[in-house]
Amino acid sequence: MKHNSNFKHLLLNALIIGSLSTFAVSCSDDDDSIVTYPVTISDTYPAGVPSTAVVKSGTVVYNELNTGVKKVFDLPLPADAFIAEGTYNIEGNMTVSYASDGEQIERSLRAVANQVVVSGSNGATSLNWFFYNPENTLVFGEIFVTGSPNAKGTGGLYDTYFTIYNNTDEVQYADGLAIVESKILNSSTDKILTASADPEANFTVQTVYVIPGTGTDVAILPGQSIKIADQANDFSTQVSGALDNTDADFEWYDETTSASVKDTENLSVPNLDKWYSYSATIWLPSNQCNRSYALVRFPAGMTAESYLAQYDGTYKYVNAATGIEMTGTKCYVIKNEWILDGVNLCNDEQWIRGSLSAAIDMSYASISTKKSDTNRFGKKFVRKVAGKSPAGNDVLMDTNDSAADFELVSAR
């Protein structure tokens, strides 16, 4: 798709040099002239967005590197969009609309191009657009919940972790951010009867672990991550090839009265604040990868006590196997508007629907084709790189479609 401005342009001084016709605007203070050209942009859209997509709104910003002059143009480009010759860093943001499977889809796109020369011989700009969610400043960068294979290869170790990535060019703070796990399985065929447990209304969760801090204690630099581990230990001392998580920034630790099930604690790594867990002993993320996870920013002033007092998630459902109405307990609801990022996980064989609203994640990241595949151990989900930010940091893909956003790789 091409944006092209009209060649009609009001110019104060027209210069014709030799056989070349060039538009120029005279400077008021000296004899230098500023040569301008119509802004022409050739767009390349990401896979899945047709070239016929309609640009609903957006801007493209040209920053001239020598003079520091910034020009901002609305999208679609107006007919009178002209730019002076020079060398530019360009950043674009826009919303496009297109039809897909009978539905009208809107997506936010971003593009960055550096050291672009605008001149008589090179007036057009090529922009490679990528998916971008401007609201998701912090996202899951990696999710490793299967654990490394144990010595027999039949199960996973406790070297699981999440990373939280700063997807912007500004410092972001993770104080008070929660990691939560869904109560309802993404493989469930039960019929939910309680309206508040419908994913389009709320996210029903069974764990809430919160990063401690007073507001600016946990800084994540642009393009950087923090790592949150189950146990911040060196598991390679137990099983060859397992992970060393002593580099974790936080771990979640569960105190328990059980004599047989005990958590381990690395005293040099701070713990998450445990607001709630359904487990009477320790929380282990589902190594079957059939639940959903979200990063949550609670409203200002909310505490563990006020949250638990107001957001009980007990719900009614009809058990698919027995047809009997039952009650789901040991759970709480998260308002969808509190969620910064959410990811559905499952295997292809068992997938039914996501525990998250389709607006948060319309599909799922797949761990395997079969539920019983032991090759899932030692595999992690890694968010793909969509492009570069103006400051040169990786921008991770966030289309609210985990099937497209993540790839499955070895955790080693």
Protein backbone atom coordinates (compact mmCIF):
# COMPACT_ATOMS: atom_id res chain seq x y z
CA MET A 1 0.00 0.00 0.00
CA LYS A 2 1.33 3.46 -0.84
CA HIS A 3 0.74 6.79 0.79
CA ASN A 4 1.44 9.63 -1.71
CA SER A 5 0.90 13.37 -1.30
CA ASN A 6 -0.26 15.72 -4.08
CA PHE A 7 2.52 17.49 -5.95
CA LYS A 8 0.73 20.83 -5.65
CA HIS A 9 2.69 22.88 -3.16
CA LEU A 10 2.91 26.59 -2.44
CA LEU A 11 6.56 27.63 -2.71
CA LEU A 12 8.02 31.02 -2.02
CA ASN A 13 10.87 30.83 -4.51
CA ALA A 14 10.94 28.46 -7.46
CA LEU A 15 14.39 27.70 -8.78
CA ILE A 16 15.04 26.02 -12.08
CA ILE A 17 18.62 24.85 -12.37
CA GLY A 18 19.71 23.50 -15.76
CA SER A 19 17.32 20.90 -16.99
CA LEU A 20 16.33 19.77 -13.45
CA SER A 21 13.20 21.17 -11.83
CA THR A 22 13.43 21.29 -8.05
CA PHE A 23 11.02 22.75 -5.49
CA ALA A 24 12.68 25.06 -2.96
CA VAL A 25 11.65 27.38 -0.14
CA SER A 26 14.00 30.30 0.54
CA CYS A 27 15.31 30.83 4.06
CA SER A 28 14.56 34.27 5.45
CA ASP A 29 17.97 34.85 7.07
CA ASP A 30 20.42 33.71 4.39
CA ASP A 31 20.77 32.61 0.81
CA ASP A 32 20.52 28.87 1.55
CA SER A 33 17.44 27.11 0.25
CA ILE A 34 15.50 24.19 1.67
CA VAL A 35 14.56 21.65 -0.97
CA THR A 36 11.36 19.75 -0.28
CA TYR A 37 9.76 16.66 -1.77
CA PRO A 38 6.33 15.03 -1.49
CA VAL A 39 6.21 12.46 1.31
CA THR A 40 5.89 9.03 -0.27
CA ILE A 41 5.70 5.89 1.86
CA SER A 42 5.72 2.31 0.62
CA ASP A 43 4.21 0.02 3.27
CA THR A 44 5.01 -3.63 3.96
CA TYR A 45 2.52 -5.15 6.39
CA PRO A 46 3.13 -8.15 8.68
CA ALA A 47 1.82 -11.57 7.71
CA GLY A 48 -1.92 -11.78 8.14
CA VAL A 49 -2.63 -8.13 7.34
CA PRO A 50 -3.80 -7.73 3.73
CA SER A 51 -2.49 -4.93 1.54
CA THR A 52 -6.09 -3.74 1.28
CA ALA A 53 -6.26 -2.97 5.01
CA VAL A 54 -7.78 0.41 5.77
CA VAL A 55 -5.68 2.86 7.76
CA LYS A 56 -8.03 4.15 10.48
CA SER A 57 -5.60 6.54 12.17
CA GLY A 58 -1.95 7.04 12.95
CA THR A 59 1.12 9.24 12.61
CA VAL A 60 4.53 9.05 11.03
CA VAL A 61 7.30 11.15 12.58
CA TYR A 62 10.39 12.29 10.64
CA ASN A 63 13.35 13.37 12.82
CA GLU A 64 16.12 15.09 10.79
CA LEU A 65 19.45 14.06 12.29
CA ASN A 66 21.50 17.11 11.32
CA THR A 67 19.10 19.89 12.25
CA GLY A 68 16.96 18.18 14.89
CA VAL A 69 13.82 19.32 13.07
CA LYS A 70 10.82 17.05 13.66
CA LYS A 71 7.91 16.73 11.24
CA VAL A 72 4.75 14.85 12.20
CA PHE A 73 2.27 13.70 9.55
CA ASP A 74 -1.13 12.16 10.15
CA LEU A 75 -2.05 8.89 8.48
CA PRO A 76 -3.49 8.50 5.91
CA LEU A 77 -1.09 11.09 4.54
CA PRO A 78 -2.66 14.41 3.54
CA ALA A 79 -2.21 15.78 0.02
CA ASP A 80 0.07 18.60 1.19
CA ALA A 81 2.65 16.42 3.01
CA PHE A 82 6.11 17.59 1.97
CA ILE A 83 9.46 16.94 3.62
CA ALA A 84 12.79 18.73 3.31
CA GLU A 85 15.76 16.82 1.97
CA GLY A 86 17.94 15.37 4.67
CA THR A 87 18.71 12.26 6.71
CA TYR A 88 15.94 11.04 8.99
CA ASN A 89 15.03 8.59 11.70
CA ILE A 90 11.39 7.67 11.11
CA GLU A 91 8.82 6.21 13.49
CA GLY A 92 5.28 5.27 12.55
CA ASN A 93 2.26 4.16 14.56
CA MET A 94 -1.14 3.36 13.12
CA THR A 95 -4.33 1.38 13.50
CA VAL A 96 -5.55 -0.66 10.54
CA SER A 97 -8.84 -2.44 9.92
CA TYR A 98 -9.46 -5.48 7.74
CA ALA A 99 -11.81 -8.44 7.37
CA SER A 100 -10.74 -11.88 8.60
CA ASP A 101 -12.95 -14.99 8.79
CA GLY A 102 -16.07 -12.88 8.51
CA GLU A 103 -15.05 -10.48 11.29
CA GLN A 104 -13.70 -6.95 11.14
CA ILE A 105 -10.31 -6.83 12.85
CA GLU A 106 -8.43 -3.80 14.14
CA ARG A 107 -4.70 -3.98 14.90
CA SER A 108 -2.08 -1.54 16.09
CA LEU A 109 1.07 -1.46 13.95
CA ARG A 110 4.44 0.19 14.39
CA ALA A 111 7.40 0.85 12.10
CA VAL A 112 10.91 2.19 12.65
CA ALA A 113 13.45 3.19 10.00
CA ASN A 114 16.79 4.86 10.70
CA GLN A 115 19.25 6.84 8.58
CA VAL A 116 16.76 7.32 5.75
CA VAL A 117 18.00 9.77 3.12
CA VAL A 118 15.37 11.96 1.45
CA SER A 119 16.67 13.52 -1.75
CA GLY A 120 15.85 13.90 -5.42
CA SER A 121 17.14 10.44 -6.20
CA ASN A 122 15.71 8.81 -3.07
CA GLY A 123 12.44 10.47 -2.09
CA ALA A 124 10.36 7.42 -1.18
CA THR A 125 10.44 5.72 2.22
CA SER A 126 9.90 1.99 2.75
CA LEU A 127 8.38 1.08 6.13
CA ASN A 128 8.15 -2.48 7.42
CA TRP A 129 5.27 -2.49 9.87
CA PHE A 130 4.98 -4.92 12.79
CA PHE A 131 2.29 -5.70 15.35
CA TYR A 132 2.49 -3.61 18.49
CA ASN A 133 0.24 -3.08 21.50
CA PRO A 134 1.04 0.36 22.91
CA GLU A 135 -0.79 -0.41 26.17
CA ASN A 136 1.37 -3.41 27.04
CA THR A 137 4.50 -1.77 28.40
CA LEU A 138 5.44 -4.91 30.36
CA VAL A 139 4.95 -8.37 28.83
CA PHE A 140 5.94 -11.95 29.44
CA GLY A 141 9.24 -12.45 27.62
CA GLU A 142 9.68 -16.13 28.47
CA ILE A 143 7.48 -18.73 30.17
CA PHE A 144 9.09 -21.94 31.37
CA VAL A 145 6.63 -24.06 33.34
CA THR A 146 7.40 -27.62 32.26
CA GLY A 147 10.74 -27.76 34.10
CA SER A 148 13.88 -29.50 32.92
CA PRO A 149 13.61 -33.30 32.58
CA ASN A 150 14.30 -35.18 35.80
CA ALA A 151 16.96 -37.90 35.90
CA LYS A 152 14.52 -40.45 34.44
CA GLY A 153 13.03 -38.07 31.87
CA THR A 154 9.53 -38.76 33.18
CA GLY A 155 8.80 -35.43 34.84
CA GLY A 156 9.96 -31.89 35.35
CA LEU A 157 12.20 -30.28 37.94
CA TYR A 158 11.37 -27.12 39.87
CA ASP A 159 13.67 -24.89 37.77
CA THR A 160 10.68 -23.13 36.24
CA TYR A 161 10.52 -19.36 35.77
CA PHE A 162 8.88 -16.37 34.09
CA THR A 163 10.56 -13.29 32.69
CA ILE A 164 8.92 -9.88 32.50
CA TYR A 165 10.19 -7.71 29.63
CA ASN A 166 10.11 -3.92 29.29
CA ASN A 167 8.71 -3.46 25.78
CA THR A 168 9.31 0.31 25.71
CA ASP A 169 12.15 2.84 25.51
CA GLU A 170 11.42 4.15 29.00
CA VAL A 171 12.14 2.72 32.46
CA GLN A 172 9.17 0.75 33.76
CA TYR A 173 8.55 -0.28 37.36
CA ALA A 174 7.34 -3.73 38.35
CA ASP A 175 6.47 -2.89 41.97
CA GLY A 176 3.06 -4.34 42.78
CA LEU A 177 2.81 -6.33 39.55
CA ALA A 178 1.21 -9.76 40.02
CA ILE A 179 1.68 -13.08 38.26
CA VAL A 180 -1.52 -15.11 38.34
CA GLU A 181 -2.55 -18.57 37.12
CA SER A 182 -5.99 -19.57 35.85
CA LYS A 183 -8.34 -21.74 37.85
CA ILE A 184 -10.19 -23.05 34.82
CA LEU A 185 -8.31 -25.36 32.49
CA ASN A 186 -8.00 -24.46 28.81
CA SER A 187 -8.95 -28.08 28.12
CA SER A 188 -12.14 -27.93 30.16
CA THR A 189 -15.49 -28.85 28.59
CA ASP A 190 -17.44 -27.97 31.74
CA LYS A 191 -20.32 -25.48 31.31
CA ILE A 192 -19.74 -22.37 33.41
CA LEU A 193 -22.99 -21.12 34.95
CA THR A 194 -21.81 -18.09 36.93
CA ALA A 195 -21.60 -14.94 34.82
CA SER A 196 -18.65 -13.50 36.75
CA ALA A 197 -16.56 -16.56 35.82
CA ASP A 198 -17.08 -16.04 32.10
CA PRO A 199 -13.67 -15.13 30.60
CA GLU A 200 -15.22 -12.18 28.78
CA ALA A 201 -16.22 -10.76 32.17
CA ASN A 202 -13.27 -11.64 34.40
CA PHE A 203 -10.21 -13.86 34.68
CA THR A 204 -10.76 -16.53 37.35
CA VAL A 205 -7.46 -17.37 39.07
CA GLN A 206 -6.14 -19.75 41.69
CA THR A 207 -2.83 -18.04 42.53
CA VAL A 208 -1.81 -14.41 43.07
CA TYR A 209 1.89 -13.65 43.68
CA VAL A 210 2.94 -10.00 43.81
CA ILE A 211 6.30 -8.28 43.28
CA PRO A 212 7.10 -6.28 46.43
CA GLY A 213 7.98 -2.60 46.32
CA THR A 214 6.73 0.89 47.10
CA GLY A 215 6.48 2.13 43.53
CA THR A 216 9.99 2.70 42.20
CA ASP A 217 11.98 -0.09 43.84
CA VAL A 218 11.90 -2.60 40.97
CA ALA A 219 13.05 -0.81 37.83
CA ILE A 220 13.19 -2.63 34.51
CA LEU A 221 15.37 -0.80 32.02
CA PRO A 222 14.25 -0.37 28.39
CA GLY A 223 14.68 -3.60 26.46
CA GLN A 224 15.57 -5.54 29.63
CA SER A 225 13.86 -8.24 31.72
CA ILE A 226 13.55 -9.45 35.27
CA LYS A 227 13.45 -13.16 36.06
CA ILE A 228 11.08 -14.73 38.59
CA ALA A 229 11.85 -18.33 39.49
CA ASP A 230 10.08 -21.01 41.46
CA GLN A 231 13.30 -21.83 43.29
CA ALA A 232 16.38 -19.68 42.71
CA ASN A 233 18.74 -22.65 42.94
CA ASP A 234 21.33 -24.29 40.70
CA PHE A 235 19.52 -27.39 39.48
CA SER A 236 22.42 -28.43 37.27
CA THR A 237 24.02 -29.83 40.44
CA GLN A 238 21.09 -32.27 40.62
CA VAL A 239 20.62 -33.20 36.96
CA SER A 240 23.01 -32.48 34.10
CA GLY A 241 21.51 -29.95 31.72
CA ALA A 242 19.07 -28.48 34.23
CA LEU A 243 19.03 -24.73 34.78
CA ASP A 244 20.95 -22.53 37.18
CA ASN A 245 18.35 -20.08 38.47
CA THR A 246 20.57 -18.34 40.99
CA ASP A 247 20.45 -15.33 38.66
CA ALA A 248 16.75 -14.80 39.43
CA ASP A 249 15.60 -11.38 40.58
CA PHE A 250 12.76 -12.90 42.64
CA GLU A 251 11.43 -16.30 43.62
CA TRP A 252 8.10 -17.41 44.96
CA TYR A 253 8.37 -19.18 48.29
CA ASP A 254 5.61 -21.11 50.05
CA GLU A 255 5.72 -21.75 53.76
CA THR A 256 3.97 -25.00 54.56
CA THR A 257 3.16 -27.11 57.60
CA SER A 258 3.45 -30.31 55.58
CA ALA A 259 6.19 -32.58 56.79
CA SER A 260 6.59 -34.26 53.40
CA VAL A 261 6.37 -31.29 51.02
CA LYS A 262 8.74 -28.42 51.72
CA ASP A 263 9.80 -25.46 49.62
CA THR A 264 13.41 -24.37 49.39
CA GLU A 265 14.50 -20.76 49.73
CA ASN A 266 17.50 -18.86 48.43
CA LEU A 267 17.95 -16.24 51.13
CA SER A 268 19.93 -13.99 48.78
CA VAL A 269 16.96 -13.67 46.38
CA PRO A 270 13.86 -11.73 47.54
CA ASN A 271 10.50 -13.48 47.66
CA LEU A 272 7.27 -12.48 45.99
CA ASP A 273 4.42 -11.44 48.28
CA LYS A 274 1.94 -14.29 48.37
CA TRP A 275 -1.56 -12.87 48.24
CA TYR A 276 -3.24 -16.19 47.55
CA SER A 277 -2.62 -19.78 46.48
CA TYR A 278 -5.08 -22.63 46.31
CA SER A 279 -2.35 -25.07 47.34
CA ALA A 280 -1.98 -26.09 50.97
CA THR A 281 1.69 -26.79 50.30
CA ILE A 282 3.63 -25.31 47.36
CA TRP A 283 2.52 -23.84 44.04
CA LEU A 284 3.84 -25.54 40.95
CA PRO A 285 2.80 -24.03 37.60
CA SER A 286 1.06 -26.64 35.48
CA ASN A 287 3.77 -28.59 33.65
CA GLN A 288 1.05 -29.92 31.35
CA CYS A 289 0.78 -26.34 30.05
CA ASN A 290 -3.03 -26.33 30.06
CA ARG A 291 -3.63 -23.14 32.05
CA SER A 292 -3.32 -19.41 31.42
CA TYR A 293 -1.08 -16.78 33.01
CA ALA A 294 -1.36 -13.02 33.28
CA LEU A 295 0.56 -9.99 34.47
CA VAL A 296 -1.77 -7.86 36.58
CA ARG A 297 -1.58 -4.25 37.75
CA PHE A 298 -4.03 -3.77 40.61
CA PRO A 299 -5.79 -0.44 41.19
CA ALA A 300 -3.86 2.03 43.33
CA GLY A 301 -4.27 1.39 47.03
CA MET A 302 -5.46 -2.21 46.72
CA THR A 303 -3.97 -4.56 49.31
CA ALA A 304 -4.05 -8.32 49.70
CA GLU A 305 -6.70 -7.94 52.40
CA SER A 306 -8.98 -5.67 50.36
CA TYR A 307 -8.59 -7.80 47.24
CA LEU A 308 -9.46 -11.06 48.98
CA ALA A 309 -12.40 -9.43 50.74
CA GLN A 310 -13.97 -8.10 47.54
CA TYR A 311 -13.14 -10.50 44.71
CA ASP A 312 -14.08 -14.02 45.73
CA GLY A 313 -14.38 -16.12 42.59
CA THR A 314 -16.55 -19.04 43.72
CA TYR A 315 -18.63 -20.17 40.75
CA LYS A 316 -21.13 -22.80 39.60
CA TYR A 317 -20.60 -25.13 36.67
CA VAL A 318 -21.98 -28.31 35.14
CA ASN A 319 -19.43 -31.10 35.13
CA ALA A 320 -19.07 -32.34 31.55
CA ALA A 321 -18.43 -35.95 32.57
CA THR A 322 -21.31 -36.36 35.05
CA GLY A 323 -23.80 -33.65 34.10
CA ILE A 324 -23.96 -32.66 37.76
CA GLU A 325 -23.93 -29.04 38.89
CA MET A 326 -20.88 -28.35 41.02
CA THR A 327 -19.10 -25.49 42.75
CA GLY A 328 -15.65 -24.18 41.89
CA THR A 329 -13.87 -22.92 44.99
CA LYS A 330 -10.44 -21.64 46.10
CA CYS A 331 -10.36 -18.97 43.44
CA TYR A 332 -10.65 -15.22 42.91
CA VAL A 333 -11.49 -12.96 39.99
CA ILE A 334 -9.20 -10.51 38.22
CA LYS A 335 -10.89 -7.71 36.32
CA ASN A 336 -9.88 -7.87 32.67
CA GLU A 337 -8.95 -4.18 32.66
CA TRP A 338 -6.25 -4.89 35.28
CA ILE A 339 -4.39 -7.27 32.95
CA LEU A 340 -1.26 -5.94 31.22
CA ASP A 341 -0.47 -9.18 29.40
CA GLY A 342 -2.07 -12.61 29.26
CA VAL A 343 -1.11 -15.91 27.67
CA ASN A 344 -3.12 -19.11 27.13
CA LEU A 345 -1.13 -22.37 27.06
CA CYS A 346 -2.27 -25.81 26.00
CA ASN A 347 -1.53 -28.84 23.84
CA ASP A 348 -3.26 -29.28 20.50
CA GLU A 349 -5.08 -32.44 21.53
CA GLN A 350 -6.87 -30.93 24.53
CA TRP A 351 -7.45 -27.31 23.57
CA ILE A 352 -11.07 -26.20 23.99
CA ARG A 353 -10.99 -22.49 24.75
CA GLY A 354 -8.88 -19.97 26.63
CA SER A 355 -9.43 -18.99 30.24
CA LEU A 356 -8.63 -15.44 29.18
CA SER A 357 -10.89 -13.11 27.26
CA ALA A 358 -10.39 -13.40 23.52
CA ALA A 359 -9.51 -9.70 23.55
CA ILE A 360 -6.49 -10.53 25.73
CA ASP A 361 -5.46 -13.72 23.92
CA MET A 362 -7.46 -15.00 20.97
CA SER A 363 -5.65 -18.38 20.77
CA TYR A 364 -2.92 -20.29 22.63
CA ALA A 365 0.75 -21.15 22.61
CA SER A 366 1.09 -24.88 22.01
CA ILE A 367 3.49 -27.06 24.00
CA SER A 368 2.86 -30.23 21.94
CA THR A 369 0.41 -32.05 19.72
CA LYS A 370 -0.37 -34.67 22.42
CA LYS A 371 -1.04 -34.21 26.13
CA SER A 372 1.22 -37.10 27.12
CA ASP A 373 4.29 -35.94 25.16
CA THR A 374 7.23 -36.06 27.61
CA ASN A 375 9.28 -34.03 25.14
CA ARG A 376 7.52 -31.00 26.59
CA PHE A 377 9.90 -31.08 29.54
CA GLY A 378 12.80 -28.68 29.05
CA LYS A 379 10.85 -26.54 26.55
CA LYS A 380 10.06 -22.87 27.10
CA PHE A 381 7.87 -20.32 25.36
CA VAL A 382 9.79 -17.31 24.07
CA ARG A 383 8.09 -14.23 22.68
CA LYS A 384 9.21 -13.38 19.15
CA VAL A 385 10.98 -10.15 18.25
CA ALA A 386 8.73 -8.00 16.07
CA GLY A 387 11.10 -5.14 15.34
CA LYS A 388 13.30 -2.43 16.81
CA SER A 389 12.31 0.59 18.85
CA PRO A 390 13.56 4.10 17.99
CA ALA A 391 16.27 3.61 20.64
CA GLY A 392 17.33 0.30 19.07
CA ASN A 393 15.76 -2.02 21.65
CA ASP A 394 13.95 -5.21 20.65
CA VAL A 395 10.18 -4.78 20.48
CA LEU A 396 8.56 -8.11 21.32
CA MET A 397 5.57 -9.25 19.33
CA ASP A 398 2.26 -8.70 21.07
CA THR A 399 -0.72 -9.26 18.83
CA ASN A 400 -2.92 -10.73 21.58
CA ASP A 401 -2.59 -14.00 19.68
CA SER A 402 -0.16 -16.32 21.48
CA ALA A 403 -0.04 -18.76 18.57
CA ALA A 404 1.65 -16.02 16.56
CA ASP A 405 3.55 -14.28 19.36
CA PHE A 406 5.52 -17.18 20.87
CA GLU A 407 7.89 -19.85 19.70
CA LEU A 408 8.81 -23.04 21.54
CA VAL A 409 12.54 -23.60 22.14
CA SER A 410 14.87 -25.52 24.42
CA ALA A 411 15.30 -23.94 27.85
CA ARG A 412 18.98 -24.97 28.02
